[in-house]
Amino acid sequence: MKAKKGFNLREICGEQIIVAEGRENIDFTNIISMNESSALLWRSVQGKEFTLDDLADILVENYMIDENTPLDRERALKDSKAMLEKWIEAGIVEE
């Protein structure tokens, strides 16, 4: 997988939004807002090849369930898969 060129994360009025840059990417019918976790994933993989496992690794490395317990790998995979499916549906990644 790879994030498509021309789609960049920007903060607009306090919201993390994917902005399509370039004439070929202009389509305002599908504005993509991202929460903190999805924005972290996007920034981490933009411009790189990545896999579902890469996304899960990023979540595990950056989030704790509580003060002493890292995010469970199985939960991270499930959450990453759901996010990746949304990105594919939105057309902002290439397989």
PDB file of N, CA and C in Angstrom:
ATOM      1  N   MET A   1       0.840  -1.176   0.000  1.00  0.00           N
ATOM      2  CA  MET A   1       0.000   0.000   0.000  1.00  0.00           C
ATOM      3  C   MET A   1       0.885   1.240   0.000  1.00  0.00           C
ATOM      4  N   LYS A   2       0.299   2.311  -0.488  1.00  0.00           N
ATOM      5  CA  LYS A   2       0.993   3.587  -0.471  1.00  0.00           C
ATOM      6  C   LYS A   2      -0.056   4.697  -0.522  1.00  0.00           C
ATOM      7  N   ALA A   3       0.188   5.769   0.254  1.00  0.00           N
ATOM      8  CA  ALA A   3      -0.701   6.927   0.193  1.00  0.00           C
ATOM      9  C   ALA A   3      -0.562   7.561  -1.185  1.00  0.00           C
ATOM     10  N   LYS A   4      -1.689   7.915  -1.794  1.00  0.00           N
ATOM     11  CA  LYS A   4      -1.640   8.541  -3.108  1.00  0.00           C
ATOM     12  C   LYS A   4      -1.011   9.924  -3.007  1.00  0.00           C
ATOM     13  N   LYS A   5      -0.251  10.269  -4.026  1.00  0.00           N
ATOM     14  CA  LYS A   5       0.346  11.595  -4.093  1.00  0.00           C
ATOM     15  C   LYS A   5      -0.761  12.634  -4.233  1.00  0.00           C
ATOM     16  N   GLY A   6      -0.509  13.792  -3.661  1.00  0.00           N
ATOM     17  CA  GLY A   6      -1.463  14.880  -3.788  1.00  0.00           C
ATOM     18  C   GLY A   6      -2.475  14.955  -2.663  1.00  0.00           C
ATOM     19  N   PHE A   7      -2.455  13.997  -1.739  1.00  0.00           N
ATOM     20  CA  PHE A   7      -3.350  14.028  -0.591  1.00  0.00           C
ATOM     21  C   PHE A   7      -2.498  14.273   0.650  1.00  0.00           C
ATOM     22  N   ASN A   8      -2.681  15.439   1.260  1.00  0.00           N
ATOM     23  CA  ASN A   8      -1.859  15.821   2.397  1.00  0.00           C
ATOM     24  C   ASN A   8      -2.721  16.173   3.596  1.00  0.00           C
ATOM     25  N   LEU A   9      -2.198  15.883   4.772  1.00  0.00           N
ATOM     26  CA  LEU A   9      -2.901  16.170   6.013  1.00  0.00           C
ATOM     27  C   LEU A   9      -2.616  17.608   6.422  1.00  0.00           C
ATOM     28  N   ARG A  10      -3.659  18.345   6.705  1.00  0.00           N
ATOM     29  CA  ARG A  10      -3.542  19.736   7.137  1.00  0.00           C
ATOM     30  C   ARG A  10      -4.454  19.956   8.342  1.00  0.00           C
ATOM     31  N   GLU A  11      -4.044  20.861   9.218  1.00  0.00           N
ATOM     32  CA  GLU A  11      -4.919  21.249  10.311  1.00  0.00           C
ATOM     33  C   GLU A  11      -5.699  22.482   9.863  1.00  0.00           C
ATOM     34  N   ILE A  12      -7.014  22.355   9.878  1.00  0.00           N
ATOM     35  CA  ILE A  12      -7.890  23.441   9.454  1.00  0.00           C
ATOM     36  C   ILE A  12      -8.915  23.675  10.558  1.00  0.00           C
ATOM     37  N   CYS A  13      -8.862  24.856  11.153  1.00  0.00           N
ATOM     38  CA  CYS A  13      -9.774  25.207  12.252  1.00  0.00           C
ATOM     39  C   CYS A  13      -9.758  24.151  13.360  1.00  0.00           C
ATOM     40  N   GLY A  14      -8.580  23.658  13.685  1.00  0.00           N
ATOM     41  CA  GLY A  14      -8.438  22.679  14.757  1.00  0.00           C
ATOM     42  C   GLY A  14      -8.764  21.248  14.377  1.00  0.00           C
ATOM     43  N   GLU A  15      -9.133  21.004  13.137  1.00  0.00           N
ATOM     44  CA  GLU A  15      -9.458  19.658  12.655  1.00  0.00           C
ATOM     45  C   GLU A  15      -8.352  19.149  11.745  1.00  0.00           C
ATOM     46  N   GLN A  16      -8.075  17.859  11.809  1.00  0.00           N
ATOM     47  CA  GLN A  16      -7.116  17.220  10.908  1.00  0.00           C
ATOM     48  C   GLN A  16      -7.880  16.775   9.661  1.00  0.00           C
ATOM     49  N   ILE A  17      -7.552  17.369   8.513  1.00  0.00           N
ATOM     50  CA  ILE A  17      -8.283  17.128   7.274  1.00  0.00           C
ATOM     51  C   ILE A  17      -7.309  16.710   6.178  1.00  0.00           C
ATOM     52  N   ILE A  18      -7.702  15.712   5.376  1.00  0.00           N
ATOM     53  CA  ILE A  18      -6.929  15.369   4.189  1.00  0.00           C
ATOM     54  C   ILE A  18      -7.336  16.343   3.090  1.00  0.00           C
ATOM     55  N   VAL A  19      -6.349  17.022   2.549  1.00  0.00           N
ATOM     56  CA  VAL A  19      -6.577  18.013   1.508  1.00  0.00           C
ATOM     57  C   VAL A  19      -6.003  17.479   0.205  1.00  0.00           C
ATOM     58  N   ALA A  20      -6.834  17.487  -0.831  1.00  0.00           N
ATOM     59  CA  ALA A  20      -6.391  17.061  -2.157  1.00  0.00           C
ATOM     60  C   ALA A  20      -5.730  18.250  -2.834  1.00  0.00           C
ATOM     61  N   GLU A  21      -4.486  18.079  -3.224  1.00  0.00           N
ATOM     62  CA  GLU A  21      -3.756  19.145  -3.888  1.00  0.00           C
ATOM     63  C   GLU A  21      -3.513  18.758  -5.336  1.00  0.00           C
ATOM     64  N   GLY A  22      -3.623  19.719  -6.210  1.00  0.00           N
ATOM     65  CA  GLY A  22      -3.457  19.447  -7.633  1.00  0.00           C
ATOM     66  C   GLY A  22      -4.798  19.345  -8.318  1.00  0.00           C
ATOM     67  N   ARG A  23      -4.835  19.761  -9.540  1.00  0.00           N
ATOM     68  CA  ARG A  23      -6.070  19.816 -10.315  1.00  0.00           C
ATOM     69  C   ARG A  23      -6.757  18.455 -10.433  1.00  0.00           C
ATOM     70  N   GLU A  24      -5.973  17.383 -10.610  1.00  0.00           N
ATOM     71  CA  GLU A  24      -6.556  16.055 -10.804  1.00  0.00           C
ATOM     72  C   GLU A  24      -7.204  15.501  -9.537  1.00  0.00           C
ATOM     73  N   ASN A  25      -6.887  16.069  -8.390  1.00  0.00           N
ATOM     74  CA  ASN A  25      -7.420  15.562  -7.125  1.00  0.00           C
ATOM     75  C   ASN A  25      -8.575  16.376  -6.563  1.00  0.00           C
ATOM     76  N   ILE A  26      -9.026  17.386  -7.261  1.00  0.00           N
ATOM     77  CA  ILE A  26     -10.071  18.249  -6.713  1.00  0.00           C
ATOM     78  C   ILE A  26     -11.420  17.542  -6.787  1.00  0.00           C
ATOM     79  N   ASP A  27     -11.952  17.223  -5.621  1.00  0.00           N
ATOM     80  CA  ASP A  27     -13.279  16.635  -5.483  1.00  0.00           C
ATOM     81  C   ASP A  27     -13.736  16.938  -4.065  1.00  0.00           C
ATOM     82  N   PHE A  28     -14.537  17.961  -3.899  1.00  0.00           N
ATOM     83  CA  PHE A  28     -14.956  18.375  -2.574  1.00  0.00           C
ATOM     84  C   PHE A  28     -16.142  17.586  -2.042  1.00  0.00           C
ATOM     85  N   THR A  29     -16.568  16.563  -2.750  1.00  0.00           N
ATOM     86  CA  THR A  29     -17.689  15.754  -2.271  1.00  0.00           C
ATOM     87  C   THR A  29     -17.239  14.742  -1.226  1.00  0.00           C
ATOM     88  N   ASN A  30     -15.944  14.580  -1.059  1.00  0.00           N
ATOM     89  CA  ASN A  30     -15.439  13.571  -0.139  1.00  0.00           C
ATOM     90  C   ASN A  30     -14.325  14.171   0.726  1.00  0.00           C
ATOM     91  N   ILE A  31     -14.687  15.045   1.651  1.00  0.00           N
ATOM     92  CA  ILE A  31     -13.715  15.626   2.571  1.00  0.00           C
ATOM     93  C   ILE A  31     -13.433  14.598   3.661  1.00  0.00           C
ATOM     94  N   ILE A  32     -12.166  14.399   3.955  1.00  0.00           N
ATOM     95  CA  ILE A  32     -11.774  13.361   4.894  1.00  0.00           C
ATOM     96  C   ILE A  32     -11.198  13.991   6.149  1.00  0.00           C
ATOM     97  N   SER A  33     -11.922  13.838   7.250  1.00  0.00           N
ATOM     98  CA  SER A  33     -11.484  14.332   8.548  1.00  0.00           C
ATOM     99  C   SER A  33     -10.872  13.161   9.313  1.00  0.00           C
ATOM    100  N   MET A  34      -9.790  13.403  10.015  1.00  0.00           N
ATOM    101  CA  MET A  34      -9.110  12.339  10.738  1.00  0.00           C
ATOM    102  C   MET A  34      -9.016  12.658  12.225  1.00  0.00           C
ATOM    103  N   ASN A  35      -9.178  11.626  13.038  1.00  0.00           N
ATOM    104  CA  ASN A  35      -8.961  11.806  14.464  1.00  0.00           C
ATOM    105  C   ASN A  35      -7.456  11.717  14.745  1.00  0.00           C
ATOM    106  N   GLU A  36      -7.082  11.834  15.991  1.00  0.00           N
ATOM    107  CA  GLU A  36      -5.666  11.853  16.373  1.00  0.00           C
ATOM    108  C   GLU A  36      -4.924  10.590  15.920  1.00  0.00           C
ATOM    109  N   SER A  37      -5.534   9.432  16.107  1.00  0.00           N
ATOM    110  CA  SER A  37      -4.880   8.169  15.745  1.00  0.00           C
ATOM    111  C   SER A  37      -4.708   8.016  14.241  1.00  0.00           C
ATOM    112  N   SER A  38      -5.754   8.316  13.481  1.00  0.00           N
ATOM    113  CA  SER A  38      -5.647   8.178  12.032  1.00  0.00           C
ATOM    114  C   SER A  38      -4.678   9.202  11.453  1.00  0.00           C
ATOM    115  N   ALA A  39      -4.635  10.405  12.036  1.00  0.00           N
ATOM    116  CA  ALA A  39      -3.675  11.419  11.582  1.00  0.00           C
ATOM    117  C   ALA A  39      -2.243  10.956  11.857  1.00  0.00           C
ATOM    118  N   LEU A  40      -2.018  10.332  13.010  1.00  0.00           N
ATOM    119  CA  LEU A  40      -0.694   9.778  13.325  1.00  0.00           C
ATOM    120  C   LEU A  40      -0.300   8.727  12.293  1.00  0.00           C
ATOM    121  N   LEU A  41      -1.223   7.832  11.968  1.00  0.00           N
ATOM    122  CA  LEU A  41      -0.941   6.792  10.982  1.00  0.00           C
ATOM    123  C   LEU A  41      -0.629   7.409   9.621  1.00  0.00           C
ATOM    124  N   TRP A  42      -1.431   8.381   9.195  1.00  0.00           N
ATOM    125  CA  TRP A  42      -1.231   9.009   7.888  1.00  0.00           C
ATOM    126  C   TRP A  42       0.149   9.663   7.811  1.00  0.00           C
ATOM    127  N   ARG A  43       0.480  10.451   8.840  1.00  0.00           N
ATOM    128  CA  ARG A  43       1.794  11.125   8.845  1.00  0.00           C
ATOM    129  C   ARG A  43       2.934  10.105   8.806  1.00  0.00           C
ATOM    130  N   SER A  44       2.743   8.987   9.489  1.00  0.00           N
ATOM    131  CA  SER A  44       3.801   7.967   9.590  1.00  0.00           C
ATOM    132  C   SER A  44       4.053   7.229   8.285  1.00  0.00           C
ATOM    133  N   VAL A  45       3.026   7.097   7.451  1.00  0.00           N
ATOM    134  CA  VAL A  45       3.187   6.300   6.227  1.00  0.00           C
ATOM    135  C   VAL A  45       3.199   7.113   4.945  1.00  0.00           C
ATOM    136  N   GLN A  46       2.893   8.395   5.038  1.00  0.00           N
ATOM    137  CA  GLN A  46       2.834   9.215   3.822  1.00  0.00           C
ATOM    138  C   GLN A  46       4.185   9.202   3.113  1.00  0.00           C
ATOM    139  N   GLY A  47       4.140   8.883   1.816  1.00  0.00           N
ATOM    140  CA  GLY A  47       5.352   8.837   1.001  1.00  0.00           C
ATOM    141  C   GLY A  47       6.125   7.528   1.111  1.00  0.00           C
ATOM    142  N   LYS A  48       5.565   6.538   1.813  1.00  0.00           N
ATOM    143  CA  LYS A  48       6.250   5.250   2.004  1.00  0.00           C
ATOM    144  C   LYS A  48       5.312   4.102   1.642  1.00  0.00           C
ATOM    145  N   GLU A  49       5.901   2.986   1.273  1.00  0.00           N
ATOM    146  CA  GLU A  49       5.133   1.749   1.154  1.00  0.00           C
ATOM    147  C   GLU A  49       4.828   1.269   2.570  1.00  0.00           C
ATOM    148  N   PHE A  50       3.626   0.706   2.783  1.00  0.00           N
ATOM    149  CA  PHE A  50       3.283   0.210   4.114  1.00  0.00           C
ATOM    150  C   PHE A  50       2.328  -0.968   4.008  1.00  0.00           C
ATOM    151  N   THR A  51       2.244  -1.705   5.096  1.00  0.00           N
ATOM    152  CA  THR A  51       1.338  -2.847   5.196  1.00  0.00           C
ATOM    153  C   THR A  51       0.407  -2.633   6.390  1.00  0.00           C
ATOM    154  N   LEU A  52      -0.579  -3.491   6.500  1.00  0.00           N
ATOM    155  CA  LEU A  52      -1.463  -3.474   7.656  1.00  0.00           C
ATOM    156  C   LEU A  52      -0.650  -3.666   8.936  1.00  0.00           C
ATOM    157  N   ASP A  53       0.324  -4.559   8.895  1.00  0.00           N
ATOM    158  CA  ASP A  53       1.175  -4.791  10.067  1.00  0.00           C
ATOM    159  C   ASP A  53       1.948  -3.532  10.455  1.00  0.00           C
ATOM    160  N   ASP A  54       2.399  -2.767   9.473  1.00  0.00           N
ATOM    161  CA  ASP A  54       3.098  -1.509   9.760  1.00  0.00           C
ATOM    162  C   ASP A  54       2.185  -0.557  10.534  1.00  0.00           C
ATOM    163  N   LEU A  55       0.935  -0.457  10.099  1.00  0.00           N
ATOM    164  CA  LEU A  55      -0.013   0.423  10.780  1.00  0.00           C
ATOM    165  C   LEU A  55      -0.228  -0.029  12.222  1.00  0.00           C
ATOM    166  N   ALA A  56      -0.409  -1.332  12.417  1.00  0.00           N
ATOM    167  CA  ALA A  56      -0.600  -1.867  13.769  1.00  0.00           C
ATOM    168  C   ALA A  56       0.625  -1.594  14.638  1.00  0.00           C
ATOM    169  N   ASP A  57       1.815  -1.763  14.073  1.00  0.00           N
ATOM    170  CA  ASP A  57       3.051  -1.494  14.834  1.00  0.00           C
ATOM    171  C   ASP A  57       3.103  -0.047  15.307  1.00  0.00           C
ATOM    172  N   ILE A  58       2.694   0.875  14.452  1.00  0.00           N
ATOM    173  CA  ILE A  58       2.692   2.295  14.812  1.00  0.00           C
ATOM    174  C   ILE A  58       1.749   2.535  15.989  1.00  0.00           C
ATOM    175  N   LEU A  59       0.573   1.940  15.951  1.00  0.00           N
ATOM    176  CA  LEU A  59      -0.374   2.107  17.057  1.00  0.00           C
ATOM    177  C   LEU A  59       0.170   1.526  18.352  1.00  0.00           C
ATOM    178  N   VAL A  60       0.738   0.324  18.279  1.00  0.00           N
ATOM    179  CA  VAL A  60       1.281  -0.322  19.478  1.00  0.00           C
ATOM    180  C   VAL A  60       2.410   0.522  20.076  1.00  0.00           C
ATOM    181  N   GLU A  61       3.258   1.075  19.219  1.00  0.00           N
ATOM    182  CA  GLU A  61       4.393   1.879  19.686  1.00  0.00           C
ATOM    183  C   GLU A  61       3.958   3.202  20.308  1.00  0.00           C
ATOM    184  N   ASN A  62       2.800   3.724  19.899  1.00  0.00           N
ATOM    185  CA  ASN A  62       2.409   5.068  20.317  1.00  0.00           C
ATOM    186  C   ASN A  62       1.279   5.152  21.329  1.00  0.00           C
ATOM    187  N   TYR A  63       0.591   4.057  21.577  1.00  0.00           N
ATOM    188  CA  TYR A  63      -0.549   4.124  22.488  1.00  0.00           C
ATOM    189  C   TYR A  63      -0.449   3.098  23.597  1.00  0.00           C
ATOM    190  N   MET A  64      -0.939   3.509  24.757  1.00  0.00           N
ATOM    191  CA  MET A  64      -0.997   2.648  25.929  1.00  0.00           C
ATOM    192  C   MET A  64      -2.468   2.493  26.323  1.00  0.00           C
ATOM    193  N   ILE A  65      -2.841   1.286  26.755  1.00  0.00           N
ATOM    194  CA  ILE A  65      -4.197   1.069  27.260  1.00  0.00           C
ATOM    195  C   ILE A  65      -4.328   1.789  28.600  1.00  0.00           C
ATOM    196  N   ASP A  66      -3.323   1.639  29.414  1.00  0.00           N
ATOM    197  CA  ASP A  66      -3.228   2.399  30.656  1.00  0.00           C
ATOM    198  C   ASP A  66      -1.762   2.758  30.846  1.00  0.00           C
ATOM    199  N   GLU A  67      -1.433   3.263  31.972  1.00  0.00           N
ATOM    200  CA  GLU A  67      -0.083   3.765  32.226  1.00  0.00           C
ATOM    201  C   GLU A  67       1.021   2.736  31.964  1.00  0.00           C
ATOM    202  N   ASN A  68       0.729   1.455  32.189  1.00  0.00           N
ATOM    203  CA  ASN A  68       1.761   0.422  32.098  1.00  0.00           C
ATOM    204  C   ASN A  68       1.527  -0.641  31.033  1.00  0.00           C
ATOM    205  N   THR A  69       0.432  -0.559  30.309  1.00  0.00           N
ATOM    206  CA  THR A  69       0.085  -1.629  29.378  1.00  0.00           C
ATOM    207  C   THR A  69       0.011  -1.105  27.944  1.00  0.00           C
ATOM    208  N   PRO A  70       0.903  -1.595  27.068  1.00  0.00           N
ATOM    209  CA  PRO A  70       0.819  -1.158  25.674  1.00  0.00           C
ATOM    210  C   PRO A  70      -0.473  -1.650  25.020  1.00  0.00           C
ATOM    211  N   LEU A  71      -0.867  -0.955  23.977  1.00  0.00           N
ATOM    212  CA  LEU A  71      -2.037  -1.359  23.208  1.00  0.00           C
ATOM    213  C   LEU A  71      -1.856  -2.790  22.731  1.00  0.00           C
ATOM    214  N   ASP A  72      -2.880  -3.602  22.893  1.00  0.00           N
ATOM    215  CA  ASP A  72      -2.865  -5.001  22.482  1.00  0.00           C
ATOM    216  C   ASP A  72      -2.706  -5.104  20.966  1.00  0.00           C
ATOM    217  N   ARG A  73      -1.818  -5.975  20.500  1.00  0.00           N
ATOM    218  CA  ARG A  73      -1.538  -6.121  19.068  1.00  0.00           C
ATOM    219  C   ARG A  73      -2.792  -6.502  18.273  1.00  0.00           C
ATOM    220  N   GLU A  74      -3.601  -7.390  18.825  1.00  0.00           N
ATOM    221  CA  GLU A  74      -4.820  -7.816  18.134  1.00  0.00           C
ATOM    222  C   GLU A  74      -5.779  -6.629  17.944  1.00  0.00           C
ATOM    223  N   ARG A  75      -5.938  -5.819  18.957  1.00  0.00           N
ATOM    224  CA  ARG A  75      -6.791  -4.621  18.867  1.00  0.00           C
ATOM    225  C   ARG A  75      -6.204  -3.632  17.860  1.00  0.00           C
ATOM    226  N   ALA A  76      -4.878  -3.478  17.887  1.00  0.00           N
ATOM    227  CA  ALA A  76      -4.218  -2.562  16.949  1.00  0.00           C
ATOM    228  C   ALA A  76      -4.430  -3.027  15.503  1.00  0.00           C
ATOM    229  N   LEU A  77      -4.352  -4.324  15.250  1.00  0.00           N
ATOM    230  CA  LEU A  77      -4.597  -4.851  13.902  1.00  0.00           C
ATOM    231  C   LEU A  77      -6.037  -4.599  13.466  1.00  0.00           C
ATOM    232  N   LYS A  78      -6.977  -4.828  14.371  1.00  0.00           N
ATOM    233  CA  LYS A  78      -8.392  -4.615  14.061  1.00  0.00           C
ATOM    234  C   LYS A  78      -8.649  -3.143  13.735  1.00  0.00           C
ATOM    235  N   ASP A  79      -8.127  -2.253  14.566  1.00  0.00           N
ATOM    236  CA  ASP A  79      -8.322  -0.819  14.340  1.00  0.00           C
ATOM    237  C   ASP A  79      -7.636  -0.359  13.053  1.00  0.00           C
ATOM    238  N   SER A  80      -6.442  -0.880  12.800  1.00  0.00           N
ATOM    239  CA  SER A  80      -5.701  -0.514  11.582  1.00  0.00           C
ATOM    240  C   SER A  80      -6.434  -0.980  10.333  1.00  0.00           C
ATOM    241  N   LYS A  81      -6.991  -2.187  10.391  1.00  0.00           N
ATOM    242  CA  LYS A  81      -7.731  -2.719   9.241  1.00  0.00           C
ATOM    243  C   LYS A  81      -8.948  -1.852   8.941  1.00  0.00           C
ATOM    244  N   ALA A  82      -9.669  -1.447   9.976  1.00  0.00           N
ATOM    245  CA  ALA A  82     -10.844  -0.587   9.784  1.00  0.00           C
ATOM    246  C   ALA A  82     -10.441   0.750   9.170  1.00  0.00           C
ATOM    247  N   MET A  83      -9.340   1.322   9.641  1.00  0.00           N
ATOM    248  CA  MET A  83      -8.882   2.603   9.107  1.00  0.00           C
ATOM    249  C   MET A  83      -8.437   2.449   7.662  1.00  0.00           C
ATOM    250  N   LEU A  84      -7.687   1.405   7.364  1.00  0.00           N
ATOM    251  CA  LEU A  84      -7.203   1.170   6.006  1.00  0.00           C
ATOM    252  C   LEU A  84      -8.366   0.974   5.033  1.00  0.00           C
ATOM    253  N   GLU A  85      -9.399   0.262   5.452  1.00  0.00           N
ATOM    254  CA  GLU A  85     -10.575   0.076   4.597  1.00  0.00           C
ATOM    255  C   GLU A  85     -11.228   1.417   4.265  1.00  0.00           C
ATOM    256  N   LYS A  86     -11.285   2.326   5.236  1.00  0.00           N
ATOM    257  CA  LYS A  86     -11.847   3.658   4.992  1.00  0.00           C
ATOM    258  C   LYS A  86     -10.973   4.437   4.019  1.00  0.00           C
ATOM    259  N   TRP A  87      -9.662   4.337   4.164  1.00  0.00           N
ATOM    260  CA  TRP A  87      -8.747   5.026   3.255  1.00  0.00           C
ATOM    261  C   TRP A  87      -8.900   4.509   1.825  1.00  0.00           C
ATOM    262  N   ILE A  88      -9.032   3.188   1.678  1.00  0.00           N
ATOM    263  CA  ILE A  88      -9.207   2.589   0.351  1.00  0.00           C
ATOM    264  C   ILE A  88     -10.521   3.063  -0.255  1.00  0.00           C
ATOM    265  N   GLU A  89     -11.576   3.034   0.536  1.00  0.00           N
ATOM    266  CA  GLU A  89     -12.894   3.486   0.062  1.00  0.00           C
ATOM    267  C   GLU A  89     -12.866   4.958  -0.352  1.00  0.00           C
ATOM    268  N   ALA A  90     -12.120   5.762   0.378  1.00  0.00           N
ATOM    269  CA  ALA A  90     -12.010   7.189   0.059  1.00  0.00           C
ATOM    270  C   ALA A  90     -11.096   7.449  -1.137  1.00  0.00           C
ATOM    271  N   GLY A  91     -10.328   6.426  -1.531  1.00  0.00           N
ATOM    272  CA  GLY A  91      -9.459   6.567  -2.689  1.00  0.00           C
ATOM    273  C   GLY A  91      -8.183   7.341  -2.421  1.00  0.00           C
ATOM    274  N   ILE A  92      -7.710   7.312  -1.175  1.00  0.00           N
ATOM    275  CA  ILE A  92      -6.494   8.072  -0.864  1.00  0.00           C
ATOM    276  C   ILE A  92      -5.247   7.194  -0.722  1.00  0.00           C
ATOM    277  N   VAL A  93      -5.417   5.883  -0.914  1.00  0.00           N
ATOM    278  CA  VAL A  93      -4.263   4.981  -0.938  1.00  0.00           C
ATOM    279  C   VAL A  93      -4.313   4.116  -2.178  1.00  0.00           C
ATOM    280  N   GLU A  94      -3.153   3.635  -2.570  1.00  0.00           N
ATOM    281  CA  GLU A  94      -3.037   2.722  -3.711  1.00  0.00           C
ATOM    282  C   GLU A  94      -2.599   1.360  -3.194  1.00  0.00           C
ATOM    283  N   GLU A  95      -3.181   0.326  -3.781  1.00  0.00           N
ATOM    284  CA  GLU A  95      -2.797  -1.034  -3.377  1.00  0.00           C
ATOM    285  C   GLU A  95      -1.676  -1.542  -4.225  1.00  0.00           C
TER     286      GLU A  95
END
